[in-house]
Amino acid sequence: MDWITANVTTVLVITGLLLLIIEVAILGFATFVLFFVGLAALVTAGLFYIGLLDASYVNAFFSSAIFSAIFAVLLYKPLKQMQQQVDNKTVKGDFTGLRFHLAEDISPARPGKHTYSGITWAVQSNSDIAAGTEVEVVNAEVGIFHVRPVTTTA
């Protein structure tokens, strides 16, 4: 217990780093509160280390509170905008490009079925495709293959 009271700066550094690790690694930067407090603890520890503030727990509390508020005001909007940026590109799955021959006629109104890897998949298309036609999977959803006819190049 004496070590904790004698080493305020070290305790602040450890606490600040733990809060930042928890926020980023465990919570995935979902909330910013721990980030602001952890950053404030590190800045306060830096001020203690260079001697601008007397290293005491009272100063640590007030300095961390003030810096947390400052960081929240300055960084909340940019961090929130960073969270809102979403990449909406289509992911190419393992089934994309899979080719097989249809066992039955399919149309947009009447999907067919295809068994692959022990699972019976619904087969859908935006156009009419006759049985026996070779098709290629262009998109796969849960239990559904979206297909198009394979075009042969001569």
N, C-alpha and C. Protein backbone atom coordinates (compact mmCIF):
# COMPACT_ATOMS: atom_id res chain seq x y z
N MET A 1 0.82 -1.20 0.00
CA MET A 1 0.00 0.00 0.00
C MET A 1 0.86 1.26 0.00
N ASP A 2 2.03 1.19 0.65
CA ASP A 2 2.93 2.34 0.67
C ASP A 2 3.44 2.67 -0.73
N TRP A 3 3.66 1.61 -1.54
CA TRP A 3 4.15 1.83 -2.89
C TRP A 3 3.15 2.63 -3.71
N ILE A 4 1.85 2.33 -3.58
CA ILE A 4 0.80 3.02 -4.32
C ILE A 4 0.74 4.49 -3.94
N THR A 5 0.86 4.80 -2.68
CA THR A 5 0.81 6.20 -2.26
C THR A 5 2.10 6.95 -2.61
N ALA A 6 3.21 6.24 -2.69
CA ALA A 6 4.48 6.90 -2.98
C ALA A 6 4.74 7.08 -4.47
N ASN A 7 4.04 6.35 -5.32
CA ASN A 7 4.29 6.37 -6.76
C ASN A 7 3.04 6.76 -7.55
N VAL A 8 2.56 7.95 -7.32
CA VAL A 8 1.34 8.44 -7.96
C VAL A 8 1.51 8.46 -9.48
N THR A 9 2.65 8.93 -9.95
CA THR A 9 2.89 9.03 -11.40
C THR A 9 2.83 7.67 -12.07
N THR A 10 3.48 6.69 -11.49
CA THR A 10 3.48 5.34 -12.05
C THR A 10 2.08 4.74 -12.04
N VAL A 11 1.35 4.95 -10.97
CA VAL A 11 -0.03 4.45 -10.89
C VAL A 11 -0.89 5.09 -11.98
N LEU A 12 -0.69 6.38 -12.24
CA LEU A 12 -1.45 7.06 -13.30
C LEU A 12 -1.09 6.50 -14.68
N VAL A 13 0.17 6.25 -14.93
CA VAL A 13 0.58 5.70 -16.21
C VAL A 13 -0.04 4.32 -16.42
N ILE A 14 0.07 3.47 -15.41
CA ILE A 14 -0.50 2.11 -15.51
C ILE A 14 -2.01 2.18 -15.70
N THR A 15 -2.68 3.02 -14.92
CA THR A 15 -4.13 3.16 -15.04
C THR A 15 -4.52 3.68 -16.42
N GLY A 16 -3.82 4.71 -16.89
CA GLY A 16 -4.12 5.27 -18.21
C GLY A 16 -3.94 4.25 -19.31
N LEU A 17 -2.85 3.50 -19.28
CA LEU A 17 -2.62 2.48 -20.30
C LEU A 17 -3.65 1.37 -20.24
N LEU A 18 -4.02 0.94 -19.05
CA LEU A 18 -5.06 -0.10 -18.92
C LEU A 18 -6.40 0.38 -19.48
N LEU A 19 -6.76 1.62 -19.18
CA LEU A 19 -8.02 2.16 -19.71
C LEU A 19 -8.01 2.24 -21.23
N LEU A 20 -6.88 2.66 -21.80
CA LEU A 20 -6.78 2.72 -23.26
C LEU A 20 -6.84 1.33 -23.88
N ILE A 21 -6.18 0.37 -23.27
CA ILE A 21 -6.21 -1.00 -23.78
C ILE A 21 -7.62 -1.56 -23.72
N ILE A 22 -8.30 -1.36 -22.61
CA ILE A 22 -9.67 -1.85 -22.47
C ILE A 22 -10.57 -1.21 -23.53
N GLU A 23 -10.44 0.10 -23.72
CA GLU A 23 -11.29 0.81 -24.68
C GLU A 23 -11.04 0.34 -26.11
N VAL A 24 -9.80 0.23 -26.49
CA VAL A 24 -9.49 -0.09 -27.87
C VAL A 24 -9.57 -1.60 -28.14
N ALA A 25 -8.92 -2.40 -27.32
CA ALA A 25 -8.83 -3.83 -27.61
C ALA A 25 -10.07 -4.62 -27.22
N ILE A 26 -10.66 -4.31 -26.09
CA ILE A 26 -11.78 -5.11 -25.61
C ILE A 26 -13.12 -4.54 -26.08
N LEU A 27 -13.30 -3.23 -25.91
CA LEU A 27 -14.57 -2.61 -26.30
C LEU A 27 -14.61 -2.20 -27.76
N GLY A 28 -13.49 -2.27 -28.45
CA GLY A 28 -13.47 -1.96 -29.86
C GLY A 28 -13.76 -0.50 -30.18
N PHE A 29 -13.38 0.39 -29.28
CA PHE A 29 -13.56 1.83 -29.47
C PHE A 29 -15.04 2.19 -29.61
N ALA A 30 -15.89 1.44 -28.92
CA ALA A 30 -17.34 1.67 -29.00
C ALA A 30 -17.77 2.85 -28.14
N THR A 31 -17.15 3.02 -26.99
CA THR A 31 -17.43 4.17 -26.15
C THR A 31 -16.16 4.97 -26.07
N PHE A 32 -16.27 6.24 -25.79
CA PHE A 32 -15.08 7.06 -25.75
C PHE A 32 -14.69 7.45 -24.32
N VAL A 33 -15.49 7.13 -23.34
CA VAL A 33 -15.27 7.57 -21.97
C VAL A 33 -13.93 7.06 -21.44
N LEU A 34 -13.68 5.78 -21.58
CA LEU A 34 -12.42 5.22 -21.09
C LEU A 34 -11.23 5.79 -21.85
N PHE A 35 -11.43 6.08 -23.13
CA PHE A 35 -10.37 6.68 -23.93
C PHE A 35 -10.00 8.06 -23.39
N PHE A 36 -11.02 8.89 -23.12
CA PHE A 36 -10.77 10.24 -22.62
C PHE A 36 -10.10 10.21 -21.24
N VAL A 37 -10.59 9.36 -20.36
CA VAL A 37 -10.03 9.27 -19.00
C VAL A 37 -8.61 8.70 -19.05
N GLY A 38 -8.38 7.68 -19.87
CA GLY A 38 -7.04 7.10 -19.99
C GLY A 38 -6.04 8.09 -20.55
N LEU A 39 -6.46 8.84 -21.56
CA LEU A 39 -5.59 9.87 -22.13
C LEU A 39 -5.29 10.96 -21.10
N ALA A 40 -6.32 11.35 -20.35
CA ALA A 40 -6.14 12.38 -19.31
C ALA A 40 -5.19 11.88 -18.22
N ALA A 41 -5.28 10.61 -17.86
CA ALA A 41 -4.38 10.06 -16.84
C ALA A 41 -2.93 10.08 -17.33
N LEU A 42 -2.71 9.77 -18.60
CA LEU A 42 -1.35 9.80 -19.14
C LEU A 42 -0.81 11.23 -19.21
N VAL A 43 -1.65 12.19 -19.60
CA VAL A 43 -1.20 13.59 -19.66
C VAL A 43 -0.89 14.09 -18.25
N THR A 44 -1.74 13.75 -17.30
CA THR A 44 -1.50 14.15 -15.91
C THR A 44 -0.20 13.54 -15.39
N ALA A 45 0.04 12.28 -15.70
CA ALA A 45 1.29 11.64 -15.29
C ALA A 45 2.49 12.35 -15.92
N GLY A 46 2.34 12.77 -17.16
CA GLY A 46 3.41 13.53 -17.81
C GLY A 46 3.68 14.85 -17.13
N LEU A 47 2.61 15.54 -16.71
CA LEU A 47 2.77 16.81 -15.99
C LEU A 47 3.45 16.59 -14.63
N PHE A 48 3.12 15.49 -13.97
CA PHE A 48 3.78 15.15 -12.70
C PHE A 48 5.25 14.86 -12.95
N TYR A 49 5.53 14.12 -14.00
CA TYR A 49 6.89 13.69 -14.28
C TYR A 49 7.82 14.87 -14.58
N ILE A 50 7.31 15.87 -15.36
CA ILE A 50 8.18 17.01 -15.68
C ILE A 50 8.16 18.08 -14.60
N GLY A 51 7.32 17.90 -13.59
CA GLY A 51 7.33 18.79 -12.44
C GLY A 51 6.41 20.00 -12.52
N LEU A 52 5.50 20.06 -13.50
CA LEU A 52 4.57 21.18 -13.58
C LEU A 52 3.48 21.11 -12.51
N LEU A 53 3.17 19.92 -12.04
CA LEU A 53 2.20 19.72 -10.96
C LEU A 53 2.84 18.88 -9.87
N ASP A 54 2.44 19.13 -8.64
CA ASP A 54 2.88 18.33 -7.51
C ASP A 54 2.19 16.97 -7.57
N ALA A 55 2.94 15.89 -7.45
CA ALA A 55 2.39 14.54 -7.58
C ALA A 55 1.64 14.14 -6.32
N SER A 56 0.32 14.38 -6.35
CA SER A 56 -0.55 13.95 -5.26
C SER A 56 -1.85 13.42 -5.87
N TYR A 57 -2.55 12.62 -5.09
CA TYR A 57 -3.80 12.06 -5.61
C TYR A 57 -4.88 13.12 -5.78
N VAL A 58 -4.86 14.16 -4.99
CA VAL A 58 -5.84 15.25 -5.16
C VAL A 58 -5.59 15.95 -6.49
N ASN A 59 -4.33 16.28 -6.77
CA ASN A 59 -4.00 16.89 -8.05
C ASN A 59 -4.29 15.94 -9.22
N ALA A 60 -4.03 14.66 -9.02
CA ALA A 60 -4.31 13.67 -10.07
C ALA A 60 -5.80 13.63 -10.38
N PHE A 61 -6.63 13.65 -9.36
CA PHE A 61 -8.08 13.61 -9.57
C PHE A 61 -8.56 14.83 -10.34
N PHE A 62 -8.20 16.02 -9.87
CA PHE A 62 -8.69 17.23 -10.52
C PHE A 62 -8.09 17.43 -11.91
N SER A 63 -6.81 17.16 -12.06
CA SER A 63 -6.19 17.30 -13.37
C SER A 63 -6.78 16.31 -14.37
N SER A 64 -6.98 15.08 -13.95
CA SER A 64 -7.58 14.07 -14.85
C SER A 64 -9.00 14.44 -15.22
N ALA A 65 -9.75 14.98 -14.28
CA ALA A 65 -11.13 15.39 -14.57
C ALA A 65 -11.15 16.53 -15.59
N ILE A 66 -10.28 17.51 -15.40
CA ILE A 66 -10.25 18.66 -16.32
C ILE A 66 -9.80 18.21 -17.71
N PHE A 67 -8.72 17.41 -17.79
CA PHE A 67 -8.25 16.94 -19.09
C PHE A 67 -9.26 16.01 -19.77
N SER A 68 -9.97 15.20 -19.00
CA SER A 68 -11.01 14.34 -19.58
C SER A 68 -12.08 15.19 -20.24
N ALA A 69 -12.50 16.25 -19.57
CA ALA A 69 -13.51 17.15 -20.13
C ALA A 69 -12.99 17.84 -21.39
N ILE A 70 -11.75 18.30 -21.35
CA ILE A 70 -11.15 18.96 -22.52
C ILE A 70 -11.07 17.99 -23.71
N PHE A 71 -10.59 16.78 -23.46
CA PHE A 71 -10.50 15.80 -24.54
C PHE A 71 -11.88 15.43 -25.09
N ALA A 72 -12.86 15.35 -24.20
CA ALA A 72 -14.22 15.03 -24.66
C ALA A 72 -14.75 16.12 -25.58
N VAL A 73 -14.53 17.38 -25.22
CA VAL A 73 -15.01 18.49 -26.04
C VAL A 73 -14.27 18.53 -27.38
N LEU A 74 -12.96 18.33 -27.35
CA LEU A 74 -12.16 18.44 -28.57
C LEU A 74 -12.26 17.23 -29.49
N LEU A 75 -12.36 16.04 -28.94
CA LEU A 75 -12.23 14.83 -29.74
C LEU A 75 -13.53 14.08 -30.02
N TYR A 76 -14.63 14.43 -29.36
CA TYR A 76 -15.85 13.63 -29.52
C TYR A 76 -16.34 13.63 -30.96
N LYS A 77 -16.49 14.81 -31.56
CA LYS A 77 -17.01 14.87 -32.93
C LYS A 77 -16.11 14.17 -33.94
N PRO A 78 -14.79 14.42 -33.94
CA PRO A 78 -13.96 13.69 -34.91
C PRO A 78 -13.98 12.18 -34.71
N LEU A 79 -14.00 11.74 -33.46
CA LEU A 79 -14.04 10.29 -33.22
C LEU A 79 -15.39 9.70 -33.63
N LYS A 80 -16.46 10.42 -33.41
CA LYS A 80 -17.79 9.94 -33.80
C LYS A 80 -17.89 9.84 -35.32
N GLN A 81 -17.34 10.83 -36.03
CA GLN A 81 -17.33 10.78 -37.49
C GLN A 81 -16.49 9.60 -37.99
N MET A 82 -15.39 9.33 -37.31
CA MET A 82 -14.57 8.20 -37.68
C MET A 82 -15.34 6.89 -37.52
N GLN A 83 -16.18 6.79 -36.50
CA GLN A 83 -16.99 5.59 -36.28
C GLN A 83 -18.05 5.43 -37.35
N GLN A 84 -18.57 6.53 -37.89
CA GLN A 84 -19.66 6.48 -38.85
C GLN A 84 -19.22 6.07 -40.25
N GLN A 85 -17.93 6.14 -40.54
CA GLN A 85 -17.45 5.78 -41.87
C GLN A 85 -17.54 4.27 -42.03
N VAL A 86 -18.39 3.84 -42.97
CA VAL A 86 -18.63 2.43 -43.19
C VAL A 86 -18.28 2.10 -44.63
N ASP A 87 -17.59 1.01 -44.84
CA ASP A 87 -17.24 0.56 -46.17
C ASP A 87 -18.33 -0.40 -46.64
N ASN A 88 -19.08 -0.03 -47.67
CA ASN A 88 -20.22 -0.82 -48.12
C ASN A 88 -19.91 -1.66 -49.35
N LYS A 89 -18.69 -2.11 -49.52
CA LYS A 89 -18.39 -2.93 -50.68
C LYS A 89 -18.84 -4.36 -50.44
N THR A 90 -19.20 -5.02 -51.51
CA THR A 90 -19.66 -6.40 -51.43
C THR A 90 -18.47 -7.31 -51.22
N VAL A 91 -18.62 -8.22 -50.28
CA VAL A 91 -17.55 -9.16 -49.97
C VAL A 91 -17.70 -10.37 -50.87
N LYS A 92 -16.60 -10.77 -51.51
CA LYS A 92 -16.63 -11.95 -52.35
C LYS A 92 -16.43 -13.17 -51.46
N GLY A 93 -17.46 -14.01 -51.38
CA GLY A 93 -17.41 -15.18 -50.52
C GLY A 93 -16.79 -16.39 -51.21
N ASP A 94 -16.70 -17.48 -50.48
CA ASP A 94 -16.11 -18.71 -51.01
C ASP A 94 -16.95 -19.32 -52.12
N PHE A 95 -18.26 -19.06 -52.13
CA PHE A 95 -19.14 -19.68 -53.12
C PHE A 95 -19.19 -18.89 -54.42
N THR A 96 -18.77 -17.63 -54.40
CA THR A 96 -18.81 -16.83 -55.61
C THR A 96 -17.89 -17.45 -56.66
N GLY A 97 -18.44 -17.66 -57.84
CA GLY A 97 -17.68 -18.29 -58.92
C GLY A 97 -17.91 -19.78 -59.04
N LEU A 98 -18.61 -20.37 -58.09
CA LEU A 98 -18.91 -21.80 -58.14
C LEU A 98 -19.78 -22.07 -59.37
N ARG A 99 -19.46 -23.11 -60.14
CA ARG A 99 -20.22 -23.45 -61.34
C ARG A 99 -20.85 -24.83 -61.19
N PHE A 100 -22.06 -24.95 -61.72
CA PHE A 100 -22.74 -26.24 -61.73
C PHE A 100 -23.83 -26.20 -62.80
N HIS A 101 -24.39 -27.37 -63.13
CA HIS A 101 -25.46 -27.48 -64.11
C HIS A 101 -26.79 -27.57 -63.37
N LEU A 102 -27.77 -26.82 -63.85
CA LEU A 102 -29.09 -26.82 -63.22
C LEU A 102 -29.81 -28.14 -63.48
N ALA A 103 -30.47 -28.65 -62.47
CA ALA A 103 -31.25 -29.88 -62.60
C ALA A 103 -32.67 -29.59 -63.03
N GLU A 104 -33.10 -28.33 -62.90
CA GLU A 104 -34.47 -27.94 -63.25
C GLU A 104 -34.49 -26.52 -63.78
N ASP A 105 -35.57 -26.18 -64.48
CA ASP A 105 -35.73 -24.82 -64.98
C ASP A 105 -35.93 -23.86 -63.80
N ILE A 106 -35.36 -22.66 -63.88
CA ILE A 106 -35.59 -21.65 -62.86
C ILE A 106 -35.97 -20.34 -63.53
N SER A 107 -36.66 -19.50 -62.78
CA SER A 107 -37.04 -18.16 -63.24
C SER A 107 -37.07 -17.26 -62.01
N PRO A 108 -37.20 -15.94 -62.22
CA PRO A 108 -37.27 -15.06 -61.05
C PRO A 108 -38.43 -15.41 -60.10
N ALA A 109 -39.53 -15.91 -60.66
CA ALA A 109 -40.68 -16.25 -59.83
C ALA A 109 -40.61 -17.67 -59.27
N ARG A 110 -39.77 -18.52 -59.87
CA ARG A 110 -39.72 -19.92 -59.47
C ARG A 110 -38.27 -20.36 -59.30
N PRO A 111 -37.74 -20.24 -58.07
CA PRO A 111 -36.36 -20.67 -57.84
C PRO A 111 -36.25 -22.19 -57.86
N GLY A 112 -35.04 -22.66 -58.08
CA GLY A 112 -34.79 -24.09 -58.07
C GLY A 112 -34.01 -24.49 -56.84
N LYS A 113 -33.47 -25.72 -56.89
CA LYS A 113 -32.68 -26.23 -55.77
C LYS A 113 -31.41 -26.87 -56.31
N HIS A 114 -30.37 -26.79 -55.49
CA HIS A 114 -29.10 -27.44 -55.83
C HIS A 114 -28.46 -27.90 -54.53
N THR A 115 -28.03 -29.15 -54.51
CA THR A 115 -27.35 -29.68 -53.33
C THR A 115 -25.85 -29.54 -53.52
N TYR A 116 -25.23 -28.87 -52.57
CA TYR A 116 -23.78 -28.66 -52.61
C TYR A 116 -23.24 -28.82 -51.20
N SER A 117 -22.25 -29.64 -51.05
CA SER A 117 -21.57 -29.86 -49.77
C SER A 117 -22.56 -30.32 -48.69
N GLY A 118 -23.53 -31.15 -49.10
CA GLY A 118 -24.48 -31.71 -48.16
C GLY A 118 -25.62 -30.79 -47.78
N ILE A 119 -25.69 -29.62 -48.40
CA ILE A 119 -26.74 -28.64 -48.09
C ILE A 119 -27.55 -28.40 -49.35
N THR A 120 -28.88 -28.38 -49.21
CA THR A 120 -29.73 -28.05 -50.33
C THR A 120 -29.95 -26.55 -50.35
N TRP A 121 -29.46 -25.91 -51.40
CA TRP A 121 -29.52 -24.46 -51.55
C TRP A 121 -30.66 -24.09 -52.49
N ALA A 122 -31.33 -23.00 -52.21
CA ALA A 122 -32.28 -22.42 -53.17
C ALA A 122 -31.44 -21.72 -54.23
N VAL A 123 -31.86 -21.85 -55.49
CA VAL A 123 -31.12 -21.24 -56.60
C VAL A 123 -32.03 -20.21 -57.25
N GLN A 124 -31.59 -18.95 -57.24
CA GLN A 124 -32.39 -17.86 -57.79
C GLN A 124 -31.65 -17.16 -58.91
N SER A 125 -32.44 -16.60 -59.84
CA SER A 125 -31.86 -15.87 -60.96
C SER A 125 -32.79 -14.73 -61.34
N ASN A 126 -32.23 -13.72 -62.00
CA ASN A 126 -33.03 -12.59 -62.49
C ASN A 126 -33.61 -12.87 -63.86
N SER A 127 -33.28 -14.01 -64.45
CA SER A 127 -33.79 -14.36 -65.78
C SER A 127 -34.17 -15.83 -65.79
N ASP A 128 -34.90 -16.21 -66.84
CA ASP A 128 -35.27 -17.62 -67.02
C ASP A 128 -34.04 -18.39 -67.49
N ILE A 129 -33.80 -19.55 -66.86
CA ILE A 129 -32.67 -20.39 -67.24
C ILE A 129 -33.19 -21.83 -67.33
N ALA A 130 -32.86 -22.49 -68.43
CA ALA A 130 -33.34 -23.85 -68.67
C ALA A 130 -32.51 -24.86 -67.90
N ALA A 131 -33.12 -26.02 -67.64
CA ALA A 131 -32.43 -27.12 -66.97
C ALA A 131 -31.26 -27.57 -67.83
N GLY A 132 -30.16 -27.97 -67.20
CA GLY A 132 -28.98 -28.43 -67.91
C GLY A 132 -28.00 -27.32 -68.24
N THR A 133 -28.40 -26.06 -68.06
CA THR A 133 -27.52 -24.94 -68.35
C THR A 133 -26.47 -24.81 -67.25
N GLU A 134 -25.24 -24.54 -67.66
CA GLU A 134 -24.19 -24.30 -66.67
C GLU A 134 -24.36 -22.88 -66.13
N VAL A 135 -24.39 -22.76 -64.81
CA VAL A 135 -24.56 -21.46 -64.16
C VAL A 135 -23.40 -21.21 -63.22
N GLU A 136 -23.23 -19.92 -62.89
CA GLU A 136 -22.18 -19.50 -61.99
C GLU A 136 -22.81 -18.71 -60.85
N VAL A 137 -22.36 -18.96 -59.63
CA VAL A 137 -22.86 -18.24 -58.46
C VAL A 137 -22.23 -16.85 -58.45
N VAL A 138 -23.10 -15.82 -58.44
CA VAL A 138 -22.60 -14.44 -58.39
C VAL A 138 -22.71 -13.85 -56.99
N ASN A 139 -23.57 -14.44 -56.17
CA ASN A 139 -23.72 -13.99 -54.79
C ASN A 139 -24.33 -15.14 -53.99
N ALA A 140 -23.92 -15.28 -52.75
CA ALA A 140 -24.46 -16.33 -51.90
C ALA A 140 -24.94 -15.70 -50.60
N GLU A 141 -26.18 -15.98 -50.26
CA GLU A 141 -26.75 -15.58 -48.98
C GLU A 141 -26.98 -16.86 -48.19
N VAL A 142 -27.53 -16.73 -47.01
CA VAL A 142 -27.77 -17.91 -46.18
C VAL A 142 -28.80 -18.79 -46.89
N GLY A 143 -28.34 -19.95 -47.37
CA GLY A 143 -29.21 -20.92 -48.01
C GLY A 143 -29.65 -20.58 -49.42
N ILE A 144 -29.10 -19.50 -50.04
CA ILE A 144 -29.54 -19.08 -51.37
C ILE A 144 -28.32 -18.80 -52.26
N PHE A 145 -28.29 -19.43 -53.43
CA PHE A 145 -27.32 -19.10 -54.46
C PHE A 145 -28.00 -18.20 -55.48
N HIS A 146 -27.44 -17.05 -55.77
CA HIS A 146 -27.90 -16.19 -56.87
C HIS A 146 -26.98 -16.51 -58.04
N VAL A 147 -27.56 -16.93 -59.15
CA VAL A 147 -26.77 -17.42 -60.27
C VAL A 147 -27.07 -16.67 -61.56
N ARG A 148 -26.16 -16.85 -62.54
CA ARG A 148 -26.37 -16.37 -63.90
C ARG A 148 -25.77 -17.43 -64.82
N PRO A 149 -26.28 -17.49 -66.04
CA PRO A 149 -25.73 -18.48 -66.99
C PRO A 149 -24.27 -18.17 -67.30
N VAL A 150 -23.48 -19.22 -67.49
CA VAL A 150 -22.08 -19.05 -67.85
C VAL A 150 -22.04 -18.76 -69.35
N THR A 151 -21.35 -17.69 -69.68
CA THR A 151 -21.20 -17.35 -71.10
C THR A 151 -19.87 -17.92 -71.58
N THR A 152 -19.92 -18.63 -72.66
CA THR A 152 -18.70 -19.22 -73.21
C THR A 152 -18.11 -18.29 -74.25
N THR A 153 -16.81 -18.14 -74.21
CA THR A 153 -16.13 -17.32 -75.19
C THR A 153 -15.40 -18.22 -76.16
N ALA A 154 -15.59 -17.97 -77.43
CA ALA A 154 -14.97 -18.84 -78.43
C ALA A 154 -13.79 -18.20 -79.09
